[in-house]
């Protein structure tokens, strides 16, 4: 790809992220706050753990693009909410494995249900053909991103 094409790719990716936050996440977070004090990075961590079951702090920090020290505070807070648990890594005594508690799994499942309801409202007036193209495009994006 040349620089002009790479610039267009950059603008599309960051534009998509911004639109996703503006059109979906902002509204959803305002209407569906179940735990007082739960921030968006808390929710992201819960989502990562739901998808991957068990992660180390280093893996989560890379996913969030943040320092491990800052992540420790978030993990401590989630532990205080009873949503995550730390266990010793049997392969490396210096590391902890982080996973969701039953309450954390239930919170994520409730979040998914509420998110689907919110998306249904937002997309209720969308053209069905355009929506189908949108879903197909997102599948293509995800498949491509998983390959690189």
C-alpha atoms as a PDB file:
ATOM      1  CA  UNK A   1       0.000   0.000   0.000  1.00  0.00           C
ATOM      2  CA  UNK A   2       1.218   3.503  -0.704  1.00  0.00           C
ATOM      3  CA  UNK A   3       1.091   6.347   1.814  1.00  0.00           C
ATOM      4  CA  UNK A   4      -2.186   7.733   0.471  1.00  0.00           C
ATOM      5  CA  UNK A   5      -3.890   4.351   0.800  1.00  0.00           C
ATOM      6  CA  UNK A   6      -2.436   3.872   4.269  1.00  0.00           C
ATOM      7  CA  UNK A   7      -3.735   7.312   5.283  1.00  0.00           C
ATOM      8  CA  UNK A   8      -7.201   6.356   4.035  1.00  0.00           C
ATOM      9  CA  UNK A   9      -7.015   3.076   6.000  1.00  0.00           C
ATOM     10  CA  UNK A  10      -5.957   4.984   9.116  1.00  0.00           C
ATOM     11  CA  UNK A  11      -8.838   7.448   8.750  1.00  0.00           C
ATOM     12  CA  UNK A  12     -11.347   4.636   8.191  1.00  0.00           C
ATOM     13  CA  UNK A  13     -10.216   2.651  11.233  1.00  0.00           C
ATOM     14  CA  UNK A  14     -10.163   5.616  13.602  1.00  0.00           C
ATOM     15  CA  UNK A  15     -13.372   6.999  12.104  1.00  0.00           C
ATOM     16  CA  UNK A  16     -15.070   3.656  12.718  1.00  0.00           C
ATOM     17  CA  UNK A  17     -13.874   3.570  16.324  1.00  0.00           C
ATOM     18  CA  UNK A  18     -15.170   7.098  16.917  1.00  0.00           C
ATOM     19  CA  UNK A  19     -18.522   6.397  15.296  1.00  0.00           C
ATOM     20  CA  UNK A  20     -18.911   3.170  17.252  1.00  0.00           C
ATOM     21  CA  UNK A  21     -18.358   5.043  20.517  1.00  0.00           C
ATOM     22  CA  UNK A  22     -20.648   7.892  19.471  1.00  0.00           C
ATOM     23  CA  UNK A  23     -23.515   5.824  18.055  1.00  0.00           C
ATOM     24  CA  UNK A  24     -23.483   2.772  20.332  1.00  0.00           C
ATOM     25  CA  UNK A  25     -21.294   2.859  23.421  1.00  0.00           C
ATOM     26  CA  UNK A  26     -22.006   6.364  24.686  1.00  0.00           C
ATOM     27  CA  UNK A  27     -25.770   5.846  24.753  1.00  0.00           C
ATOM     28  CA  UNK A  28     -25.497   2.303  26.034  1.00  0.00           C
ATOM     29  CA  UNK A  29     -23.200   3.215  28.937  1.00  0.00           C
ATOM     30  CA  UNK A  30     -25.441   6.105  29.996  1.00  0.00           C
ATOM     31  CA  UNK A  31     -28.541   3.915  30.148  1.00  0.00           C
ATOM     32  CA  UNK A  32     -27.113   0.696  31.536  1.00  0.00           C
ATOM     33  CA  UNK A  33     -24.839   1.422  34.474  1.00  0.00           C
ATOM     34  CA  UNK A  34     -25.452  -1.372  37.000  1.00  0.00           C
ATOM     35  CA  UNK A  35     -22.403  -0.994  39.224  1.00  0.00           C
ATOM     36  CA  UNK A  36     -21.689   2.465  40.598  1.00  0.00           C
ATOM     37  CA  UNK A  37     -18.079   3.282  39.827  1.00  0.00           C
ATOM     38  CA  UNK A  38     -17.721   0.817  36.942  1.00  0.00           C
ATOM     39  CA  UNK A  39     -15.785   2.628  34.201  1.00  0.00           C
ATOM     40  CA  UNK A  40     -15.443   1.796  30.517  1.00  0.00           C
ATOM     41  CA  UNK A  41     -12.041   0.145  31.000  1.00  0.00           C
ATOM     42  CA  UNK A  42     -13.606  -2.077  33.671  1.00  0.00           C
ATOM     43  CA  UNK A  43     -16.229  -3.117  31.136  1.00  0.00           C
ATOM     44  CA  UNK A  44     -13.559  -3.754  28.493  1.00  0.00           C
ATOM     45  CA  UNK A  45     -11.632  -5.995  30.896  1.00  0.00           C
ATOM     46  CA  UNK A  46     -14.785  -7.951  31.704  1.00  0.00           C
ATOM     47  CA  UNK A  47     -15.429  -8.324  27.979  1.00  0.00           C
ATOM     48  CA  UNK A  48     -11.881  -9.553  27.272  1.00  0.00           C
ATOM     49  CA  UNK A  49     -12.105 -12.070  30.099  1.00  0.00           C
ATOM     50  CA  UNK A  50     -15.513 -13.253  28.931  1.00  0.00           C
ATOM     51  CA  UNK A  51     -14.114 -13.875  25.461  1.00  0.00           C
ATOM     52  CA  UNK A  52     -10.791 -15.424  26.524  1.00  0.00           C
ATOM     53  CA  UNK A  53     -11.776 -16.979  29.912  1.00  0.00           C
ATOM     54  CA  UNK A  54      -8.326 -16.474  31.515  1.00  0.00           C
ATOM     55  CA  UNK A  55      -5.725 -13.760  30.902  1.00  0.00           C
ATOM     56  CA  UNK A  56      -2.624 -12.407  32.599  1.00  0.00           C
ATOM     57  CA  UNK A  57      -2.342  -8.754  33.550  1.00  0.00           C
ATOM     58  CA  UNK A  58       0.278  -8.327  30.810  1.00  0.00           C
ATOM     59  CA  UNK A  59      -2.131  -9.649  28.179  1.00  0.00           C
ATOM     60  CA  UNK A  60      -4.931  -7.361  29.367  1.00  0.00           C
ATOM     61  CA  UNK A  61      -2.573  -4.371  29.505  1.00  0.00           C
ATOM     62  CA  UNK A  62      -1.599  -4.980  25.861  1.00  0.00           C
ATOM     63  CA  UNK A  63      -5.258  -5.213  24.821  1.00  0.00           C
ATOM     64  CA  UNK A  64      -6.048  -1.922  26.565  1.00  0.00           C
ATOM     65  CA  UNK A  65      -2.737  -0.286  25.571  1.00  0.00           C
ATOM     66  CA  UNK A  66      -2.028   0.762  29.135  1.00  0.00           C
ATOM     67  CA  UNK A  67       0.694   0.352  31.737  1.00  0.00           C
ATOM     68  CA  UNK A  68       0.479  -2.660  34.040  1.00  0.00           C
ATOM     69  CA  UNK A  69       0.541  -0.407  37.103  1.00  0.00           C
ATOM     70  CA  UNK A  70      -2.601   1.412  35.980  1.00  0.00           C
ATOM     71  CA  UNK A  71      -4.237  -1.909  35.194  1.00  0.00           C
ATOM     72  CA  UNK A  72      -3.566  -3.209  38.709  1.00  0.00           C
ATOM     73  CA  UNK A  73      -5.860  -0.533  40.140  1.00  0.00           C
ATOM     74  CA  UNK A  74      -8.645  -1.524  37.724  1.00  0.00           C
ATOM     75  CA  UNK A  75      -8.229  -5.234  38.535  1.00  0.00           C
ATOM     76  CA  UNK A  76      -8.275  -4.467  42.272  1.00  0.00           C
ATOM     77  CA  UNK A  77     -11.527  -2.537  41.820  1.00  0.00           C
ATOM     78  CA  UNK A  78     -13.110  -5.345  39.790  1.00  0.00           C
ATOM     79  CA  UNK A  79     -12.024  -7.781  42.485  1.00  0.00           C
ATOM     80  CA  UNK A  80     -13.686  -5.513  45.057  1.00  0.00           C
ATOM     81  CA  UNK A  81     -16.921  -5.625  43.034  1.00  0.00           C
ATOM     82  CA  UNK A  82     -16.661  -9.424  43.114  1.00  0.00           C
ATOM     83  CA  UNK A  83     -16.462  -9.605  39.301  1.00  0.00           C
ATOM     84  CA  UNK A  84     -12.958 -11.048  38.841  1.00  0.00           C
ATOM     85  CA  UNK A  85     -10.636 -13.352  40.701  1.00  0.00           C
ATOM     86  CA  UNK A  86      -6.868 -13.733  40.633  1.00  0.00           C
ATOM     87  CA  UNK A  87      -5.238 -17.145  40.817  1.00  0.00           C
ATOM     88  CA  UNK A  88      -1.566 -18.089  40.880  1.00  0.00           C
ATOM     89  CA  UNK A  89      -0.185 -19.138  37.493  1.00  0.00           C
ATOM     90  CA  UNK A  90       1.000 -22.744  37.982  1.00  0.00           C
ATOM     91  CA  UNK A  91       3.627 -22.232  35.256  1.00  0.00           C
ATOM     92  CA  UNK A  92       5.092 -18.978  36.604  1.00  0.00           C
ATOM     93  CA  UNK A  93       4.942 -18.039  40.293  1.00  0.00           C
ATOM     94  CA  UNK A  94       5.496 -14.350  39.426  1.00  0.00           C
ATOM     95  CA  UNK A  95       2.225 -14.130  37.483  1.00  0.00           C
ATOM     96  CA  UNK A  96      -1.448 -14.216  38.277  1.00  0.00           C
ATOM     97  CA  UNK A  97      -4.190 -15.527  36.056  1.00  0.00           C
ATOM     98  CA  UNK A  98      -7.275 -13.350  36.024  1.00  0.00           C
ATOM     99  CA  UNK A  99     -10.738 -14.699  35.273  1.00  0.00           C
ATOM    100  CA  UNK A 100     -14.362 -13.779  35.809  1.00  0.00           C
ATOM    101  CA  UNK A 101     -16.309 -14.920  38.830  1.00  0.00           C
ATOM    102  CA  UNK A 102     -19.837 -16.234  38.327  1.00  0.00           C
ATOM    103  CA  UNK A 103     -21.044 -12.699  39.083  1.00  0.00           C
ATOM    104  CA  UNK A 104     -18.657 -11.343  36.427  1.00  0.00           C
ATOM    105  CA  UNK A 105     -19.952 -13.817  33.843  1.00  0.00           C
ATOM    106  CA  UNK A 106     -23.539 -12.932  34.738  1.00  0.00           C
ATOM    107  CA  UNK A 107     -22.730  -9.212  34.444  1.00  0.00           C
ATOM    108  CA  UNK A 108     -21.264  -9.728  30.971  1.00  0.00           C
ATOM    109  CA  UNK A 109     -24.235 -11.835  29.860  1.00  0.00           C
ATOM    110  CA  UNK A 110     -26.606  -9.114  31.120  1.00  0.00           C
ATOM    111  CA  UNK A 111     -24.482  -6.506  29.349  1.00  0.00           C
ATOM    112  CA  UNK A 112     -24.789  -8.454  26.088  1.00  0.00           C
ATOM    113  CA  UNK A 113     -28.576  -8.679  26.467  1.00  0.00           C
ATOM    114  CA  UNK A 114     -28.869  -4.949  27.220  1.00  0.00           C
ATOM    115  CA  UNK A 115     -26.504  -4.134  24.358  1.00  0.00           C
ATOM    116  CA  UNK A 116     -28.613  -6.150  21.921  1.00  0.00           C
ATOM    117  CA  UNK A 117     -31.743  -4.312  23.091  1.00  0.00           C
ATOM    118  CA  UNK A 118     -29.989  -0.965  22.673  1.00  0.00           C
ATOM    119  CA  UNK A 119     -28.725  -1.890  19.196  1.00  0.00           C
ATOM    120  CA  UNK A 120     -32.202  -3.007  18.232  1.00  0.00           C
ATOM    121  CA  UNK A 121     -33.534   0.462  19.098  1.00  0.00           C
ATOM    122  CA  UNK A 122     -30.703   2.277  17.326  1.00  0.00           C
ATOM    123  CA  UNK A 123     -30.966   0.145  14.196  1.00  0.00           C
ATOM    124  CA  UNK A 124     -34.777  -0.085  14.068  1.00  0.00           C
ATOM    125  CA  UNK A 125     -35.045   2.420  11.205  1.00  0.00           C
ATOM    126  CA  UNK A 126     -32.035   1.138   9.236  1.00  0.00           C
ATOM    127  CA  UNK A 127     -32.584  -0.211   5.742  1.00  0.00           C
ATOM    128  CA  UNK A 128     -32.510  -4.047   5.990  1.00  0.00           C
ATOM    129  CA  UNK A 129     -30.298  -4.395   2.887  1.00  0.00           C
ATOM    130  CA  UNK A 130     -27.804  -1.839   4.204  1.00  0.00           C
ATOM    131  CA  UNK A 131     -27.811  -3.570   7.582  1.00  0.00           C
ATOM    132  CA  UNK A 132     -27.062  -6.904   5.942  1.00  0.00           C
ATOM    133  CA  UNK A 133     -24.145  -5.321   4.020  1.00  0.00           C
ATOM    134  CA  UNK A 134     -22.909  -3.729   7.229  1.00  0.00           C
ATOM    135  CA  UNK A 135     -22.879  -7.077   9.066  1.00  0.00           C
ATOM    136  CA  UNK A 136     -21.120  -8.785   6.138  1.00  0.00           C
ATOM    137  CA  UNK A 137     -18.526  -5.996   6.076  1.00  0.00           C
ATOM    138  CA  UNK A 138     -17.893  -6.304   9.811  1.00  0.00           C
ATOM    139  CA  UNK A 139     -17.416 -10.060   9.446  1.00  0.00           C
ATOM    140  CA  UNK A 140     -14.853  -9.388   6.728  1.00  0.00           C
ATOM    141  CA  UNK A 141     -13.055  -6.832   8.926  1.00  0.00           C
ATOM    142  CA  UNK A 142     -12.917  -9.213  11.893  1.00  0.00           C
ATOM    143  CA  UNK A 143     -11.672 -12.124   9.776  1.00  0.00           C
ATOM    144  CA  UNK A 144      -8.965  -9.925   8.256  1.00  0.00           C
ATOM    145  CA  UNK A 145      -7.884  -8.474  11.603  1.00  0.00           C
ATOM    146  CA  UNK A 146      -7.588 -11.979  13.097  1.00  0.00           C
ATOM    147  CA  UNK A 147      -5.247 -12.986  10.256  1.00  0.00           C
ATOM    148  CA  UNK A 148      -2.754 -10.143  10.699  1.00  0.00           C
END
